[in-house]
Amino acid sequence: MKTYDIAIIGAGPGGYVCAIRAAQLGLKTALIEKDAIGGTCLNRGCIPTKTLMHAANLYKEMKQASAYGLSANSTNFDIYKVNERKEAVTSRLVGGIEGLLKSNGVDVIRGEAFIPQTGIVQVGENQLKAKNIVIATGSSAAKLAIEGAELTNVLTGEEMLMHNDKYYKRLLIIGGGVICMEMASLYAALDCEVTVLEFADRILPAMDRELAQGLSTSLKKRDVRIYTKAVAERIKQEGSMLKCTFTHKDREESLTFDGIIVATGRKANIDGIFDGSLGLKLVDGRIAVDESQQTNFDGIYAIGDVCDGGMQLAHLASAQGINAACAAAGYENEMDTTLVPSCLYTDPEIASVGLTAEEAKARGIPFKSGKALMSANAKTVIETEERGFIKIIAHAETDRLLGAQLMCRRATDLIGELATAISAKMTYRDLGCIIHPHPTFSEAIVEALDDIDSWAIHAAPKRK
């Protein structure tokens, strides 16, 4: 029986990052994976989606070539070749991760893992001893519990990404969260007729209301139909089409589609990893952890989507993996997991970090805010982008930055600066005094800061 300092179950963005950091900290490390290195994010989620989104946005710009004084004689796409590139990108990144694991001395073990007791991991017929065990098994798409959900062309977002030839001219997306909005933006750019059904009174119900309204307006301009307060009731096969019957504001309606994508939530992958006799504490089907990602058992940790209390984001899973590795090696937490940027790779992009105005108000925190409209930003005008804004929230008494919400091109890149500023406890004056280059999207950050209360006129003492 092999013995390790740490064994990580699951090689997604939480697991493989945890394994690499543990090895760098001097721990003898095993990484166990039953499927593909990289997990859902790299193989059936983040990376494939963003690769397709990049192609779709290029296609959209090609169709608008005349706006730049250019002409394109033929503008079309081959969905199979678009997906082939997706596979090539994924393969390249998986190979890079496998190289990192090897160079750091991580033992990669293929197979399905089970924890029969603390300190032991069963992989197939073999067992290994591990002083520390990290559960990083992620989550999977929840199934839609309605009639017809099992039909051939009713797919989860993950399943859609696994088929290189799937393309539906008339597409229904059930759900209005992050995954659904990325899918809606992607396939609308690829000339699909997209319809969205969302149970809540708006899309992106967990995000800032103004971001949701802005994206809704943008999608509707591209002929995406959005039904809010809508519930899918049943799906039936009618010839080659799928008929979806749904309730919309207490009225029953039906529409037909070539294909349907379902993304109404995700379920933690804990089945088969351990049984009730182990005694791990669960909260709503996820594993309870402390600030170091440790469960109610010393030496057993959980990270990523499988654990309770965090956002289901790849970069959070990676940060939690680093903290779990540090804890196992006897070090303090390295990563601050209290401030997590949230990103949507829609068109335009959306990003948010920290508090929204609604959240600050609900918590009784005095705040003030500033906003810059991207229609006045030179780089936005140059690139003929649509509407957008950068909004920044600051404490009304201390001036410290509290949060930021962005809807613009490169929002997912810009949010890092604002996350850093909030984490560093900077005031909006501190950040506003830093020169931002021109012309860039980032200079709109300064415009938003200046809009908070036109502080520039009293930022420094007057010369005598």
Protein backbone atom coordinates (compact mmCIF):
# COMPACT_ATOMS: atom_id res chain seq x y z
CA MET A 1 0.00 0.00 0.00
CA LYS A 2 1.49 3.34 -1.07
CA THR A 3 1.61 6.15 1.46
CA TYR A 4 1.18 9.84 0.68
CA ASP A 5 1.14 13.08 2.64
CA ILE A 6 -1.90 14.19 0.67
CA ALA A 7 -4.32 12.59 -1.79
CA ILE A 8 -6.63 14.78 -3.87
CA ILE A 9 -9.76 13.26 -5.42
CA GLY A 10 -10.65 15.11 -8.62
CA ALA A 11 -8.35 16.85 -11.11
CA GLY A 12 -10.41 19.91 -11.97
CA PRO A 13 -9.21 23.51 -11.45
CA GLY A 14 -9.40 23.00 -7.69
CA GLY A 15 -7.80 19.57 -7.56
CA TYR A 16 -4.87 19.99 -9.93
CA VAL A 17 -3.94 23.39 -8.48
CA CYS A 18 -4.11 21.91 -4.98
CA ALA A 19 -1.87 19.01 -6.06
CA ILE A 20 0.76 21.26 -7.63
CA ARG A 21 0.90 23.59 -4.62
CA ALA A 22 1.04 20.65 -2.18
CA ALA A 23 3.98 19.17 -4.09
CA GLN A 24 5.71 22.56 -4.14
CA LEU A 25 5.31 22.69 -0.36
CA GLY A 26 7.17 19.39 -0.05
CA LEU A 27 4.25 16.99 0.37
CA LYS A 28 4.24 13.60 -1.33
CA THR A 29 1.15 14.04 -3.46
CA ALA A 30 -1.34 11.82 -5.28
CA LEU A 31 -4.01 13.16 -7.63
CA ILE A 32 -6.86 10.77 -8.43
CA GLU A 33 -9.07 11.27 -11.48
CA LYS A 34 -11.60 8.91 -13.08
CA ASP A 35 -12.12 11.00 -16.21
CA ALA A 36 -10.10 13.78 -17.88
CA ILE A 37 -7.51 16.05 -16.27
CA GLY A 38 -8.94 19.55 -16.04
CA GLY A 39 -12.41 18.51 -14.92
CA THR A 40 -15.62 20.12 -16.13
CA CYS A 41 -14.09 23.58 -16.47
CA LEU A 42 -11.45 22.62 -18.98
CA ASN A 43 -13.24 19.84 -20.84
CA ARG A 44 -16.97 20.61 -20.75
CA GLY A 45 -17.34 24.10 -19.33
CA CYS A 46 -15.34 27.32 -19.08
CA ILE A 47 -12.66 26.75 -21.71
CA PRO A 48 -14.81 25.18 -24.46
CA THR A 49 -17.50 27.84 -23.98
CA LYS A 50 -15.05 30.74 -24.17
CA THR A 51 -13.34 29.24 -27.22
CA LEU A 52 -16.69 29.03 -29.01
CA MET A 53 -17.58 32.52 -27.80
CA HIS A 54 -14.39 33.93 -29.30
CA ALA A 55 -15.23 32.38 -32.67
CA ALA A 56 -18.83 33.62 -32.49
CA ASN A 57 -17.73 37.17 -31.70
CA LEU A 58 -15.28 37.14 -34.59
CA TYR A 59 -18.08 35.96 -36.87
CA LYS A 60 -20.30 38.76 -35.59
CA GLU A 61 -17.60 41.35 -36.30
CA MET A 62 -17.00 39.93 -39.78
CA LYS A 63 -20.67 40.51 -40.58
CA GLN A 64 -20.25 44.13 -39.48
CA ALA A 65 -17.11 44.70 -41.57
CA SER A 66 -18.71 47.57 -43.51
CA ALA A 67 -18.83 49.63 -40.30
CA TYR A 68 -15.02 49.65 -40.39
CA GLY A 69 -14.79 50.47 -44.09
CA LEU A 70 -14.04 46.84 -44.90
CA SER A 71 -15.79 44.34 -47.12
CA ALA A 72 -16.09 40.57 -46.77
CA ASN A 73 -17.31 38.71 -49.85
CA SER A 74 -18.41 35.63 -47.92
CA THR A 75 -19.27 35.37 -44.25
CA ASN A 76 -20.22 31.97 -42.91
CA PHE A 77 -19.10 29.30 -40.45
CA ASP A 78 -18.69 25.53 -40.24
CA ILE A 79 -19.93 24.43 -36.82
CA TYR A 80 -17.87 21.23 -36.98
CA LYS A 81 -14.63 23.13 -37.67
CA VAL A 82 -15.48 25.70 -34.98
CA ASN A 83 -15.85 22.83 -32.53
CA GLU A 84 -12.67 21.17 -33.81
CA ARG A 85 -10.72 24.25 -32.73
CA LYS A 86 -12.46 24.04 -29.35
CA GLU A 87 -11.14 20.50 -28.99
CA ALA A 88 -7.63 21.59 -30.03
CA VAL A 89 -7.57 24.39 -27.45
CA THR A 90 -8.77 22.02 -24.72
CA SER A 91 -6.24 19.35 -25.69
CA ARG A 92 -3.38 21.85 -25.61
CA LEU A 93 -4.32 23.15 -22.16
CA VAL A 94 -4.83 19.65 -20.75
CA GLY A 95 -1.39 18.71 -22.02
CA GLY A 96 0.08 21.74 -20.28
CA ILE A 97 -1.50 20.79 -16.97
CA GLU A 98 -0.32 17.19 -17.28
CA GLY A 99 3.18 18.54 -17.88
CA LEU A 100 2.99 20.70 -14.74
CA LEU A 101 1.81 17.77 -12.64
CA LYS A 102 4.68 15.62 -13.90
CA SER A 103 7.34 18.29 -13.44
CA ASN A 104 6.19 18.86 -9.85
CA GLY A 105 6.35 15.16 -9.01
CA VAL A 106 2.63 14.57 -8.55
CA ASP A 107 1.53 10.93 -8.90
CA VAL A 108 -1.57 10.88 -11.13
CA ILE A 109 -3.73 7.83 -10.41
CA ARG A 110 -6.55 6.93 -12.79
CA GLY A 111 -9.72 5.47 -11.35
CA GLU A 112 -12.79 6.06 -9.21
CA ALA A 113 -12.06 6.90 -5.59
CA PHE A 114 -13.87 6.02 -2.38
CA ILE A 115 -13.02 6.99 1.21
CA PRO A 116 -13.84 4.02 3.48
CA GLN A 117 -12.29 5.68 6.54
CA THR A 118 -10.08 8.59 7.47
CA GLY A 119 -6.59 8.29 6.07
CA ILE A 120 -7.52 5.68 3.45
CA VAL A 121 -8.56 6.07 -0.21
CA GLN A 122 -9.78 3.12 -2.25
CA VAL A 123 -9.12 3.33 -6.01
CA GLY A 124 -10.54 0.32 -7.78
CA GLU A 125 -9.00 -2.74 -6.11
CA ASN A 126 -6.10 -0.78 -4.64
CA GLN A 127 -5.80 1.26 -1.48
CA LEU A 128 -3.49 4.09 -0.55
CA LYS A 129 -2.76 5.75 2.75
CA ALA A 130 -2.90 9.52 2.99
CA LYS A 131 -2.37 11.73 6.02
CA ASN A 132 -4.56 14.32 4.31
CA ILE A 133 -7.41 13.83 1.83
CA VAL A 134 -8.94 16.57 -0.32
CA ILE A 135 -12.34 16.03 -1.96
CA ALA A 136 -12.42 18.06 -5.19
CA THR A 137 -15.04 16.19 -7.19
CA GLY A 138 -16.94 19.26 -8.40
CA SER A 139 -20.55 19.30 -9.53
CA SER A 140 -22.73 18.20 -12.42
CA ALA A 141 -25.75 19.69 -14.16
CA ALA A 142 -29.02 19.05 -12.35
CA LYS A 143 -31.67 17.24 -14.38
CA LEU A 144 -34.94 18.93 -15.27
CA ALA A 145 -37.77 17.04 -13.61
CA ILE A 146 -40.47 17.44 -16.25
CA GLU A 147 -42.05 15.25 -18.90
CA GLY A 148 -39.84 14.99 -21.99
CA ALA A 149 -36.58 16.00 -20.33
CA GLU A 150 -35.05 12.71 -21.49
CA LEU A 151 -35.68 13.35 -25.21
CA THR A 152 -32.72 13.19 -27.60
CA ASN A 153 -32.26 16.89 -28.33
CA VAL A 154 -32.83 18.09 -24.75
CA LEU A 155 -29.29 18.65 -23.47
CA THR A 156 -27.45 20.20 -20.56
CA GLY A 157 -24.87 22.85 -21.37
CA GLU A 158 -22.12 20.28 -20.77
CA GLU A 159 -23.72 17.81 -23.18
CA MET A 160 -24.05 20.50 -25.85
CA LEU A 161 -20.30 21.14 -25.64
CA MET A 162 -19.48 17.46 -25.98
CA HIS A 163 -20.95 17.19 -29.50
CA ASN A 164 -19.01 18.80 -32.34
CA ASP A 165 -21.91 18.62 -34.79
CA LYS A 166 -24.68 20.04 -32.63
CA TYR A 167 -26.24 23.20 -34.02
CA TYR A 168 -29.88 24.16 -33.64
CA LYS A 169 -31.41 26.94 -35.72
CA ARG A 170 -34.25 27.35 -33.20
CA LEU A 171 -32.92 26.96 -29.67
CA LEU A 172 -34.64 27.12 -26.29
CA ILE A 173 -32.58 27.75 -23.16
CA ILE A 174 -34.29 26.89 -19.87
CA GLY A 175 -32.77 28.99 -17.10
CA GLY A 176 -31.53 32.56 -16.86
CA GLY A 177 -28.31 32.21 -14.86
CA VAL A 178 -24.69 32.64 -15.89
CA ILE A 179 -24.37 29.50 -18.04
CA CYS A 180 -27.66 30.20 -19.80
CA MET A 181 -26.77 33.78 -20.63
CA GLU A 182 -23.40 32.78 -22.04
CA MET A 183 -25.12 30.15 -24.19
CA ALA A 184 -27.75 32.67 -25.32
CA SER A 185 -25.10 35.21 -26.31
CA LEU A 186 -22.99 32.56 -28.06
CA TYR A 187 -25.71 31.01 -30.18
CA ALA A 188 -27.40 34.32 -30.98
CA ALA A 189 -24.06 35.41 -32.50
CA LEU A 190 -24.11 32.19 -34.56
CA ASP A 191 -27.45 33.13 -36.16
CA CYS A 192 -29.66 30.93 -33.97
CA GLU A 193 -33.17 32.00 -33.01
CA VAL A 194 -32.77 31.91 -29.22
CA THR A 195 -35.52 31.87 -26.60
CA VAL A 196 -34.89 31.97 -22.84
CA LEU A 197 -37.23 30.86 -20.04
CA GLU A 198 -36.39 32.12 -16.55
CA PHE A 199 -38.38 31.37 -13.39
CA ALA A 200 -37.43 34.62 -11.60
CA ASP A 201 -38.63 38.10 -12.53
CA ARG A 202 -35.36 38.84 -14.37
CA ILE A 203 -32.35 37.09 -15.85
CA LEU A 204 -29.23 36.85 -13.67
CA PRO A 205 -31.31 37.04 -10.47
CA ALA A 206 -28.23 36.70 -8.26
CA MET A 207 -26.41 39.66 -9.83
CA ASP A 208 -26.73 43.45 -9.79
CA ARG A 209 -30.09 44.47 -11.24
CA GLU A 210 -28.62 47.05 -13.60
CA LEU A 211 -26.25 44.46 -15.08
CA ALA A 212 -29.18 42.13 -15.68
CA GLN A 213 -31.26 44.86 -17.28
CA GLY A 214 -28.39 45.95 -19.51
CA LEU A 215 -27.69 42.43 -20.75
CA SER A 216 -31.39 41.77 -21.29
CA THR A 217 -31.65 44.88 -23.46
CA SER A 218 -28.55 43.92 -25.42
CA LEU A 219 -29.81 40.37 -26.08
CA LYS A 220 -33.26 41.56 -27.10
CA LYS A 221 -31.67 43.86 -29.68
CA ARG A 222 -30.22 40.68 -31.21
CA ASP A 223 -33.70 39.14 -31.33
CA VAL A 224 -33.28 36.88 -28.29
CA ARG A 225 -36.71 36.33 -26.77
CA ILE A 226 -36.65 36.37 -22.97
CA TYR A 227 -39.60 35.13 -20.90
CA THR A 228 -39.31 35.88 -17.18
CA LYS A 229 -41.64 34.48 -14.52
CA ALA A 230 -41.82 31.44 -16.78
CA VAL A 231 -41.88 27.75 -15.86
CA ALA A 232 -41.32 24.88 -18.31
CA GLU A 233 -44.11 22.33 -17.85
CA ARG A 234 -43.46 19.59 -20.44
CA ILE A 235 -41.62 18.80 -23.65
CA LYS A 236 -43.00 16.63 -26.46
CA GLN A 237 -41.55 15.34 -29.71
CA GLU A 238 -43.47 16.54 -32.75
CA GLY A 239 -41.82 15.14 -35.88
CA SER A 240 -38.27 16.52 -35.96
CA MET A 241 -39.17 19.34 -33.57
CA LEU A 242 -39.56 19.67 -29.81
CA LYS A 243 -42.66 21.36 -28.46
CA CYS A 244 -42.17 23.02 -25.07
CA THR A 245 -45.23 24.01 -23.09
CA PHE A 246 -44.59 26.56 -20.36
CA THR A 247 -46.47 28.83 -17.99
CA HIS A 248 -45.70 32.51 -18.47
CA LYS A 249 -47.22 34.92 -15.97
CA ASP A 250 -50.04 32.44 -15.19
CA ARG A 251 -50.81 31.78 -18.87
CA GLU A 252 -49.93 28.56 -20.68
CA GLU A 253 -48.01 28.90 -23.95
CA SER A 254 -46.25 26.52 -26.35
CA LEU A 255 -43.37 26.99 -28.81
CA THR A 256 -41.40 24.58 -31.00
CA PHE A 257 -37.62 24.24 -31.26
CA ASP A 258 -34.90 22.14 -32.87
CA GLY A 259 -33.05 21.78 -29.59
CA ILE A 260 -33.31 22.66 -25.91
CA ILE A 261 -30.51 23.45 -23.45
CA VAL A 262 -31.26 23.02 -19.74
CA ALA A 263 -29.13 24.83 -17.14
CA THR A 264 -31.23 25.17 -14.02
CA GLY A 265 -28.63 24.41 -11.37
CA ARG A 266 -25.82 22.05 -10.39
CA LYS A 267 -25.53 19.19 -7.91
CA ALA A 268 -22.42 18.41 -5.87
CA ASN A 269 -20.68 15.20 -6.94
CA ILE A 270 -20.56 13.38 -3.61
CA ASP A 271 -22.34 10.13 -4.51
CA GLY A 272 -19.98 7.19 -4.26
CA ILE A 273 -17.11 9.18 -2.69
CA PHE A 274 -18.04 8.26 0.90
CA ASP A 275 -21.05 6.85 2.71
CA GLY A 276 -22.96 8.05 5.74
CA SER A 277 -20.89 5.95 8.12
CA LEU A 278 -17.90 8.24 7.55
CA GLY A 279 -19.77 11.06 9.31
CA LEU A 280 -18.87 14.02 7.13
CA LYS A 281 -21.11 16.99 7.88
CA LEU A 282 -23.27 18.13 4.96
CA VAL A 283 -25.23 21.34 4.41
CA ASP A 284 -27.91 21.18 1.69
CA GLY A 285 -26.09 18.38 -0.10
CA ARG A 286 -22.64 19.96 0.06
CA ILE A 287 -19.72 19.33 2.41
CA ALA A 288 -19.34 21.75 5.33
CA VAL A 289 -15.84 23.26 5.69
CA ASP A 290 -14.01 25.86 7.77
CA GLU A 291 -11.88 28.77 6.54
CA SER A 292 -9.03 26.39 5.68
CA GLN A 293 -11.39 24.09 3.74
CA GLN A 294 -11.19 21.41 6.44
CA THR A 295 -14.28 19.33 7.14
CA ASN A 296 -15.44 18.22 10.58
CA PHE A 297 -12.65 15.59 10.40
CA ASP A 298 -8.98 16.52 10.84
CA GLY A 299 -7.12 15.79 7.65
CA ILE A 300 -10.15 15.70 5.33
CA TYR A 301 -10.73 18.79 3.20
CA ALA A 302 -13.24 19.78 0.51
CA ILE A 303 -12.80 22.42 -2.20
CA GLY A 304 -14.73 23.85 -5.14
CA ASP A 305 -18.34 23.13 -6.06
CA VAL A 306 -18.52 20.14 -3.71
CA CYS A 307 -18.20 22.28 -0.56
CA ASP A 308 -20.75 24.52 1.11
CA GLY A 309 -20.78 28.28 1.21
CA GLY A 310 -18.92 29.32 -1.93
CA MET A 311 -19.67 30.47 -5.43
CA GLN A 312 -19.39 27.79 -8.12
CA LEU A 313 -16.41 29.30 -9.91
CA ALA A 314 -13.20 27.72 -11.19
CA HIS A 315 -10.95 30.46 -9.84
CA LEU A 316 -12.48 30.14 -6.37
CA ALA A 317 -11.91 26.37 -6.47
CA SER A 318 -8.25 26.99 -7.35
CA ALA A 319 -7.85 29.45 -4.47
CA GLN A 320 -9.50 27.02 -2.06
CA GLY A 321 -7.19 24.28 -3.34
CA ILE A 322 -4.14 26.38 -2.53
CA ASN A 323 -5.47 27.06 0.98
CA ALA A 324 -6.18 23.36 1.56
CA ALA A 325 -2.63 22.49 0.45
CA CYS A 326 -1.22 25.14 2.79
CA ALA A 327 -3.28 23.84 5.71
CA ALA A 328 -2.14 20.26 5.04
CA ALA A 329 1.49 21.43 5.02
CA GLY A 330 1.06 23.40 8.24
CA TYR A 331 0.90 26.90 6.74
CA GLU A 332 -1.62 29.72 7.08
CA ASN A 333 -4.09 30.42 4.29
CA GLU A 334 -2.37 31.94 1.29
CA MET A 335 -5.44 33.06 -0.66
CA ASP A 336 -8.15 35.56 0.34
CA THR A 337 -11.38 33.75 -0.56
CA THR A 338 -13.68 36.41 0.91
CA LEU A 339 -13.52 38.57 -2.23
CA VAL A 340 -14.35 36.64 -5.39
CA PRO A 341 -14.80 38.26 -8.82
CA SER A 342 -17.73 36.95 -10.83
CA CYS A 343 -17.47 37.00 -14.63
CA LEU A 344 -19.80 36.41 -17.57
CA TYR A 345 -18.33 36.01 -21.03
CA THR A 346 -21.41 37.31 -22.77
CA ASP A 347 -21.38 40.07 -25.39
CA PRO A 348 -20.83 42.55 -23.82
CA GLU A 349 -18.88 40.96 -20.99
CA ILE A 350 -20.05 41.35 -17.39
CA ALA A 351 -17.96 41.31 -14.24
CA SER A 352 -18.65 42.07 -10.60
CA VAL A 353 -16.73 42.04 -7.33
CA GLY A 354 -17.57 43.03 -3.78
CA LEU A 355 -20.86 44.65 -2.79
CA THR A 356 -23.57 45.96 -5.08
CA ALA A 357 -25.59 49.03 -4.13
CA GLU A 358 -28.55 46.75 -3.33
CA GLU A 359 -26.42 44.61 -0.99
CA ALA A 360 -24.90 47.63 0.77
CA LYS A 361 -28.37 49.08 1.32
CA ALA A 362 -29.70 45.76 2.65
CA ARG A 363 -26.80 45.57 5.14
CA GLY A 364 -27.30 49.13 6.32
CA ILE A 365 -23.90 50.26 5.00
CA PRO A 366 -23.79 53.94 4.02
CA PHE A 367 -22.50 54.16 0.46
CA LYS A 368 -22.07 56.39 -2.54
CA SER A 369 -21.56 55.36 -6.13
CA GLY A 370 -20.23 56.62 -9.43
CA LYS A 371 -20.83 55.46 -12.96
CA ALA A 372 -19.13 55.94 -16.31
CA LEU A 373 -21.06 55.21 -19.49
CA MET A 374 -18.90 53.41 -22.04
CA SER A 375 -20.54 55.32 -24.89
CA ALA A 376 -18.20 58.19 -23.94
CA ASN A 377 -15.10 55.96 -23.84
CA ALA A 378 -12.79 56.40 -26.84
CA LYS A 379 -11.76 52.73 -27.07
CA THR A 380 -15.41 51.68 -26.99
CA VAL A 381 -16.26 54.06 -29.83
CA ILE A 382 -13.22 52.87 -31.83
CA GLU A 383 -14.36 49.25 -31.53
CA THR A 384 -18.03 50.10 -32.24
CA GLU A 385 -19.21 48.40 -29.09
CA GLU A 386 -22.74 48.53 -27.73
CA ARG A 387 -24.01 50.13 -24.54
CA GLY A 388 -22.16 49.49 -21.31
CA PHE A 389 -20.99 51.04 -18.06
CA ILE A 390 -18.61 50.79 -15.13
CA LYS A 391 -20.16 51.36 -11.71
CA ILE A 392 -18.17 51.65 -8.49
CA ILE A 393 -19.46 51.58 -4.89
CA ALA A 394 -17.60 53.27 -2.00
CA HIS A 395 -18.28 53.69 1.73
CA ALA A 396 -19.97 57.06 2.29
CA GLU A 397 -17.95 57.83 5.44
CA THR A 398 -14.53 56.19 5.00
CA ASP A 399 -14.34 56.44 1.15
CA ARG A 400 -13.08 52.84 1.02
CA LEU A 401 -13.99 50.90 -2.09
CA LEU A 402 -16.75 48.35 -1.50
CA GLY A 403 -17.60 46.92 -4.89
CA ALA A 404 -17.70 47.32 -8.65
CA GLN A 405 -19.97 46.18 -11.48
CA LEU A 406 -18.90 46.31 -15.12
CA MET A 407 -20.65 45.68 -18.42
CA CYS A 408 -18.28 46.38 -21.29
CA ARG A 409 -15.67 44.83 -23.52
CA ARG A 410 -12.79 43.31 -21.49
CA ALA A 411 -14.82 43.60 -18.27
CA THR A 412 -13.48 40.21 -17.17
CA ASP A 413 -9.91 41.53 -17.49
CA LEU A 414 -10.61 44.91 -15.88
CA ILE A 415 -12.24 43.45 -12.76
CA GLY A 416 -8.87 42.24 -11.43
CA GLU A 417 -7.69 45.80 -10.82
CA LEU A 418 -10.80 46.61 -8.82
CA ALA A 419 -10.61 43.38 -6.82
CA THR A 420 -7.01 44.23 -5.92
CA ALA A 421 -7.98 47.76 -4.88
CA ILE A 422 -10.84 46.53 -2.67
CA SER A 423 -8.67 43.84 -1.08
CA ALA A 424 -5.95 46.42 -0.38
CA LYS A 425 -8.55 48.59 1.40
CA MET A 426 -7.93 51.48 -0.97
CA THR A 427 -10.23 54.48 -1.06
CA TYR A 428 -11.72 55.60 -4.32
CA ARG A 429 -9.44 58.63 -4.09
CA ASP A 430 -6.36 56.37 -3.89
CA LEU A 431 -7.33 54.49 -7.04
CA GLY A 432 -8.42 57.65 -8.85
CA CYS A 433 -4.96 59.17 -8.46
CA ILE A 434 -3.33 56.39 -10.48
CA ILE A 435 -2.79 57.33 -14.14
CA HIS A 436 -4.58 55.03 -16.55
CA PRO A 437 -3.41 54.90 -20.19
CA HIS A 438 -5.37 56.44 -23.05
CA PRO A 439 -7.15 55.26 -25.08
CA THR A 440 -8.17 52.17 -23.10
CA PHE A 441 -11.29 50.68 -21.60
CA SER A 442 -9.63 50.96 -18.19
CA GLU A 443 -9.63 54.75 -18.14
CA ALA A 444 -13.42 54.56 -17.67
CA ILE A 445 -12.62 53.29 -14.17
CA VAL A 446 -11.24 56.75 -13.33
CA GLU A 447 -14.31 58.39 -14.85
CA ALA A 448 -16.53 56.28 -12.61
CA LEU A 449 -14.43 57.15 -9.56
CA ASP A 450 -14.60 60.82 -10.42
CA ASP A 451 -18.38 60.56 -10.71
CA ILE A 452 -18.71 59.49 -7.08
CA ASP A 453 -18.58 63.07 -5.82
CA SER A 454 -16.24 65.01 -8.12
CA TRP A 455 -13.57 64.65 -5.45
CA ALA A 456 -10.79 65.97 -7.72
CA ILE A 457 -11.45 69.62 -6.74
CA HIS A 458 -10.50 68.91 -3.13
CA ALA A 459 -8.23 65.89 -3.44
CA ALA A 460 -5.13 67.91 -2.60
CA PRO A 461 -4.57 71.10 -0.56
CA LYS A 462 -4.63 74.36 -2.46
CA ARG A 463 -1.31 76.00 -3.21
CA LYS A 464 -0.69 79.07 -1.07
